[in-house]
Protein backbone atom coordinates (compact mmCIF):
# COMPACT_ATOMS: atom_id res chain seq x y z
CA MET A 1 13.15 33.69 6.62
CA HIS A 2 16.70 32.36 6.22
CA GLY A 3 15.82 29.19 4.34
CA MET A 4 13.16 26.99 2.88
CA LEU A 5 10.77 25.36 5.37
CA ALA A 6 10.78 21.56 5.34
CA TRP A 7 7.66 19.52 6.15
CA ASP A 8 9.62 17.19 8.44
CA ASP A 9 10.72 20.15 10.55
CA LEU A 10 7.12 21.39 10.77
CA ARG A 11 6.07 17.87 11.77
CA PHE A 12 8.60 17.87 14.63
CA PHE A 13 7.44 21.32 15.73
CA LEU A 14 3.80 20.18 15.86
CA ALA A 15 4.74 17.08 17.84
CA VAL A 16 6.55 19.12 20.50
CA ASP A 17 3.70 21.64 20.57
CA ARG A 18 1.22 18.78 21.21
CA HIS A 19 3.30 16.71 23.65
CA GLY A 20 5.29 19.36 25.52
CA THR A 21 8.75 17.75 25.58
CA HIS A 22 11.36 16.46 23.15
CA ALA A 23 11.13 13.01 24.75
CA ALA A 24 7.34 12.73 24.43
CA ALA A 25 7.42 14.06 20.87
CA GLY A 26 10.17 11.57 20.04
CA ARG A 27 8.08 8.68 21.36
CA ALA A 28 5.10 9.82 19.27
CA LEU A 29 7.19 10.09 16.10
CA ARG A 30 9.49 7.16 16.97
CA VAL A 31 12.69 9.17 16.72
CA ALA A 32 15.34 10.09 19.28
CA PRO A 33 14.77 13.23 21.41
CA THR A 34 18.12 14.54 20.15
CA THR A 35 16.75 14.37 16.59
CA ILE A 36 13.73 16.42 17.68
CA GLY A 37 15.99 19.06 19.25
CA ARG A 38 18.27 19.22 16.21
CA ARG A 39 15.38 19.61 13.76
CA LEU A 40 13.69 22.27 15.88
CA ALA A 41 16.93 24.22 16.01
CA ALA A 42 17.13 23.98 12.21
CA LEU A 43 13.55 25.21 11.91
CA GLU A 44 14.14 28.19 14.21
CA ASP A 45 17.26 29.02 12.23
CA ALA A 46 15.25 28.83 9.00
CA VAL A 47 12.55 31.23 10.22
CA GLY A 48 14.91 33.45 12.22
CA VAL A 49 12.81 33.54 15.41
CA ARG A 50 12.32 31.53 18.60
CA LEU A 51 9.30 29.23 18.27
CA LEU A 52 9.17 27.46 21.65
CA ARG A 53 9.99 28.47 25.22
CA ARG A 54 10.51 26.39 28.32
CA THR A 55 8.05 26.53 31.22
CA PRO A 56 7.61 24.33 34.31
CA GLU A 57 4.82 22.53 32.39
CA GLY A 58 7.03 21.88 29.35
CA LEU A 59 7.72 23.56 26.04
CA VAL A 60 5.06 26.00 24.84
CA PRO A 61 4.92 28.06 21.64
CA THR A 62 5.99 31.70 21.54
CA GLU A 63 3.86 34.24 19.66
CA ALA A 64 5.74 33.34 16.50
CA GLY A 65 5.19 29.67 17.28
CA LEU A 66 1.45 30.20 17.62
CA ARG A 67 1.37 31.86 14.19
CA LEU A 68 3.45 29.07 12.67
CA ARG A 69 1.18 26.42 14.25
CA VAL A 70 -1.78 27.63 12.18
CA HIS A 71 0.14 27.28 8.92
CA ALA A 72 1.84 24.04 9.95
CA GLU A 73 -1.52 22.40 10.74
CA ARG A 74 -2.81 23.40 7.29
CA VAL A 75 0.27 21.84 5.66
CA GLU A 76 -0.16 18.74 7.83
CA ALA A 77 -3.80 18.36 6.82
CA GLU A 78 -2.92 18.56 3.11
CA VAL A 79 0.02 16.16 3.37
CA LEU A 80 -1.99 13.59 5.33
CA ALA A 81 -4.98 13.88 3.01
CA SER A 82 -2.66 13.23 0.06
CA GLU A 83 -1.12 10.23 1.83
CA ARG A 84 -4.52 8.76 2.63
CA GLU A 85 -5.76 9.28 -0.92
CA LEU A 86 -2.71 7.61 -2.41
CA THR A 87 -2.72 4.83 0.20
CA GLY A 88 -6.43 4.26 -0.30
CA ALA A 89 -5.89 3.67 -4.00
CA ASP A 90 -3.43 0.83 -3.35
CA GLN A 91 -5.07 -2.48 -4.22
CA ARG A 92 -2.14 -4.72 -3.25
CA VAL A 93 -2.18 -6.52 0.10
CA ALA A 94 1.37 -5.42 0.72
CA GLY A 95 3.14 -2.84 2.83
CA THR A 96 2.52 -1.91 6.45
CA VAL A 97 -0.71 -1.41 8.41
CA ARG A 98 -0.57 0.33 11.78
CA ILE A 99 -3.01 -1.11 14.33
CA THR A 100 -3.65 0.49 17.71
CA SER A 101 -5.40 -1.15 20.65
CA GLY A 102 -5.25 -1.47 24.41
CA ASP A 103 -2.45 -3.54 25.87
CA GLY A 104 -4.72 -6.46 26.80
CA LEU A 105 -6.04 -6.86 23.27
CA ALA A 106 -2.56 -6.51 21.82
CA ALA A 107 -0.98 -9.08 24.15
CA TYR A 108 -3.74 -11.68 24.50
CA VAL A 109 -5.68 -11.52 21.24
CA LEU A 110 -3.89 -9.74 18.40
CA ALA A 111 -0.24 -10.75 18.77
CA PRO A 112 -0.95 -14.50 19.17
CA ARG A 113 -3.22 -14.54 16.10
CA LEU A 114 -1.19 -12.27 13.79
CA VAL A 115 0.57 -15.30 12.37
CA GLU A 116 -2.70 -16.25 10.63
CA LEU A 117 -2.86 -12.84 8.93
CA ARG A 118 0.77 -12.97 7.87
CA ASP A 119 0.44 -16.52 6.56
CA ARG A 120 -2.49 -15.39 4.43
CA HIS A 121 -0.74 -12.21 3.24
CA PRO A 122 3.06 -12.71 3.38
CA ASP A 123 3.80 -9.26 1.91
CA LEU A 124 1.84 -7.52 4.67
CA GLY A 125 3.64 -5.96 7.62
CA VAL A 126 1.98 -4.87 10.87
CA GLU A 127 2.88 -2.22 13.43
CA LEU A 128 1.00 -3.01 16.65
CA ARG A 129 0.76 -0.07 19.04
CA ALA A 130 -0.61 -0.81 22.53
CA GLU A 131 -1.74 2.60 23.76
CA LEU A 132 -4.11 3.96 26.38
CA ARG A 133 -4.16 7.20 24.41
CA VAL A 134 -6.72 7.38 21.58
CA LEU A 135 -4.58 7.82 18.48
CA ASP A 136 -5.67 10.26 15.79
CA LEU A 137 -6.58 8.40 12.59
CA SER A 138 -6.84 11.62 10.59
CA ARG A 139 -3.16 12.29 11.36
CA ARG A 140 -2.14 8.77 10.30
CA GLU A 141 -1.07 7.86 13.84
CA ALA A 142 -2.73 4.54 13.02
CA ASP A 143 -4.62 2.97 10.11
CA VAL A 144 -6.95 0.76 12.16
CA ALA A 145 -7.96 1.39 15.78
CA LEU A 146 -9.67 -0.99 18.18
CA ARG A 147 -11.77 1.01 20.62
CA MET A 148 -13.89 0.05 23.61
CA SER A 149 -16.75 2.32 22.54
CA ARG A 150 -18.23 3.61 19.31
CA PRO A 151 -16.13 6.54 18.00
CA ARG A 152 -17.56 10.00 18.49
CA GLU A 153 -16.09 11.30 15.24
CA PRO A 154 -18.98 10.84 12.76
CA ALA A 155 -16.70 10.77 9.71
CA LEU A 156 -14.81 7.65 10.80
CA LEU A 157 -15.82 4.21 9.58
CA ALA A 158 -16.65 1.89 12.48
CA ARG A 159 -17.56 -1.79 12.69
CA ARG A 160 -18.74 -3.40 15.94
CA LEU A 161 -16.67 -6.55 16.48
CA CYS A 162 -18.03 -8.04 19.69
CA ASP A 163 -19.45 -7.50 23.15
CA PHE A 164 -16.89 -7.38 25.93
CA PRO A 165 -18.22 -8.80 29.27
CA PHE A 166 -16.38 -8.39 32.57
CA ARG A 167 -16.22 -10.77 35.56
CA VAL A 168 -14.71 -10.83 39.02
CA TYR A 169 -11.56 -13.00 39.12
CA GLY A 170 -9.13 -14.28 41.72
CA SER A 171 -6.21 -16.65 41.68
CA ALA A 172 -6.27 -20.13 43.20
CA ALA A 173 -3.45 -19.10 45.53
CA TYR A 174 -5.34 -16.06 46.80
CA LEU A 175 -8.64 -17.95 47.19
CA SER A 176 -7.02 -20.76 49.16
CA ARG A 177 -5.51 -18.17 51.48
CA ARG A 178 -8.48 -15.82 51.88
CA GLY A 179 -11.51 -17.90 50.95
CA ARG A 180 -13.91 -17.76 48.02
CA PRO A 181 -16.63 -15.07 48.20
CA ALA A 182 -20.14 -16.50 47.82
CA THR A 183 -22.00 -13.18 47.44
CA VAL A 184 -21.29 -9.66 46.22
CA LYS A 185 -21.60 -8.48 49.82
CA GLU A 186 -18.64 -10.66 50.81
CA LEU A 187 -16.39 -8.89 48.28
CA ALA A 188 -15.87 -6.10 50.82
CA ARG A 189 -13.80 -8.49 52.96
CA HIS A 190 -11.23 -9.00 50.22
CA ASP A 191 -8.17 -7.25 48.83
CA TRP A 192 -8.44 -5.70 45.38
CA VAL A 193 -6.17 -5.05 42.44
CA ARG A 194 -7.44 -2.00 40.55
CA PRO A 195 -6.50 0.40 37.75
CA ASP A 196 -4.74 3.66 38.52
CA ALA A 197 -6.12 7.11 37.69
CA THR A 198 -5.66 6.57 33.94
CA LEU A 199 -8.63 4.16 33.94
CA GLU A 200 -10.85 5.87 36.50
CA GLY A 201 -14.45 6.30 35.37
CA THR A 202 -14.57 3.13 33.29
CA PRO A 203 -17.74 0.99 33.63
CA GLN A 204 -15.86 -1.76 35.46
CA GLU A 205 -14.52 0.72 38.02
CA ALA A 206 -17.99 2.26 38.38
CA TRP A 207 -19.41 -1.20 39.17
CA LEU A 208 -16.82 -1.76 41.88
CA GLU A 209 -17.41 1.70 43.41
CA ARG A 210 -21.15 1.01 43.49
CA HIS A 211 -21.13 -2.57 44.78
CA VAL A 212 -17.96 -2.60 46.89
CA PRO A 213 -17.61 1.04 48.03
CA GLN A 214 -15.20 0.13 50.84
CA ALA A 215 -13.00 -2.06 48.64
CA ARG A 216 -9.51 -2.43 50.18
CA THR A 217 -7.15 -1.64 47.29
CA VAL A 218 -3.71 -3.19 47.76
CA LEU A 219 -2.25 -2.53 44.31
CA ARG A 220 -2.99 -0.21 41.38
CA ALA A 221 -1.65 -0.61 37.87
CA SER A 222 -1.73 1.45 34.69
CA ASN A 223 -2.68 -1.29 32.22
CA THR A 224 -4.69 -4.47 31.88
CA VAL A 225 -1.76 -6.86 31.41
CA THR A 226 -0.24 -5.76 34.73
CA LEU A 227 -3.63 -5.99 36.48
CA MET A 228 -4.04 -9.56 35.27
CA ALA A 229 -0.51 -10.49 36.30
CA ALA A 230 -1.01 -9.02 39.78
CA CYS A 231 -4.35 -10.77 40.23
CA ALA A 232 -2.92 -14.08 38.99
CA ALA A 233 0.02 -13.71 41.40
CA GLY A 234 -2.41 -13.62 44.33
CA HIS A 235 -2.42 -9.95 45.36
CA GLY A 236 -6.21 -9.72 45.34
CA LEU A 237 -9.41 -9.89 43.32
CA ALA A 238 -9.95 -7.89 40.13
CA VAL A 239 -12.68 -7.04 37.62
CA LEU A 240 -11.30 -8.23 34.28
CA PRO A 241 -12.52 -8.91 30.73
CA GLU A 242 -13.74 -12.44 30.07
CA LEU A 243 -12.01 -12.23 26.71
CA PHE A 244 -8.54 -12.06 28.28
CA ALA A 245 -8.85 -14.12 31.46
CA PRO A 246 -8.61 -17.58 29.78
CA HIS A 247 -5.08 -16.65 28.69
CA GLU A 248 -4.01 -16.65 32.36
CA PRO A 249 -4.69 -20.18 33.73
CA ARG A 250 -4.15 -19.11 37.35
CA LEU A 251 -7.29 -16.96 37.27
CA GLU A 252 -10.66 -18.33 38.39
CA PRO A 253 -14.01 -16.61 37.66
CA LEU A 254 -16.16 -15.81 40.69
CA LEU A 255 -19.83 -15.05 41.38
CA PRO A 256 -21.44 -16.23 38.12
CA ARG A 257 -24.79 -14.78 39.23
CA ALA A 258 -23.46 -11.32 40.12
CA THR A 259 -25.66 -8.71 38.43
CA GLY A 260 -24.73 -5.44 36.82
CA LEU A 261 -21.20 -6.30 35.75
CA PRO A 262 -20.51 -4.25 32.62
CA THR A 263 -20.42 -5.43 29.05
CA ARG A 264 -18.55 -3.10 26.75
CA GLU A 265 -18.44 -3.02 22.96
CA LEU A 266 -15.35 -3.46 20.82
CA TRP A 267 -15.18 -1.48 17.58
CA ALA A 268 -12.77 -1.54 14.64
CA VAL A 269 -12.30 1.98 13.31
CA THR A 270 -10.55 3.39 10.24
CA HIS A 271 -10.47 6.58 8.20
CA PRO A 272 -12.91 6.80 5.26
CA ASP A 273 -10.04 7.58 2.87
CA LEU A 274 -8.82 4.01 3.49
CA ARG A 275 -12.14 2.30 2.80
CA HIS A 276 -10.86 0.84 -0.51
CA ASN A 277 -7.32 0.10 0.63
CA ALA A 278 -6.58 -3.60 0.14
CA ARG A 279 -4.23 -4.10 3.09
CA VAL A 280 -6.54 -2.26 5.50
CA GLY A 281 -9.44 -4.35 4.16
CA ALA A 282 -7.43 -7.53 4.77
CA VAL A 283 -6.80 -6.50 8.38
CA LEU A 284 -10.47 -5.67 8.98
CA THR A 285 -11.53 -9.02 7.53
CA TRP A 286 -9.04 -10.82 9.79
CA LEU A 287 -10.25 -8.89 12.85
CA GLY A 288 -13.78 -10.05 12.11
CA THR A 289 -12.65 -13.68 12.58
CA LEU A 290 -11.11 -13.16 16.03
CA PHE A 291 -14.14 -12.36 18.17
CA PRO A 292 -17.55 -13.84 18.97
CA ARG A 293 -20.31 -12.14 17.00
CA PRO A 294 -21.95 -9.23 18.85
CA ARG A 295 -25.45 -9.61 20.26
CA GLY A 296 -28.20 -7.66 18.55
């Protein structure tokens, strides 16, 4: 080796290894892609070998990179464990808490109500990350995650916040143009706004496939906020969360007696090392005030 390894350089290497490109790694670490490239070059100079090679699928590790990955992940685990231990011991409601959620929750529920949290705790800062990807709490990608199902990782701490019912919605403009469906069977005559492949397999999509198998899809979108905007603009009907729909006054609920529409659960999740952290505790307490209490 030509020089001392730096943890930051190992962190950049792991990000590129996991995401495949400088740009994607930069987005994950919130730095410029040029910074990623410069630090990787410094790392390869330090170890004296090539660590990554370009392929049509992106950057992949060389043999030396694969060997370094093993050691870098061990270093990462120790650094993050130390950070969580030190952060967990902090009893001041001050500093920054990173919250991750879907875009609908971030836009319609969390962002409008964050002023209450900040009024209560003026020294608390919040990073709100609206992501479809499930962020890794053990890697400190977030401190608190809002998830639409109970986490599979048994070590994580999870609290069920509320039940999350879905309804069929349409805009007044669309309904005046195309008519209001009176039964589930009549839904097949209508245009639909639906998620793209990133949300395939969700319970709400499964309901639509089962009850409206010939649904005429006129627009697909990659996130809930865009789906709601398209539905409200009159493109077609959509299956949307009841929790968000009241924030878009152009939407009207349909078929109140329709059976089988899904109800999902919303969970607040954090790492056990943060169980005694004051600022994380303040955020969890605030989250508990935002939603109707879950059934059962």
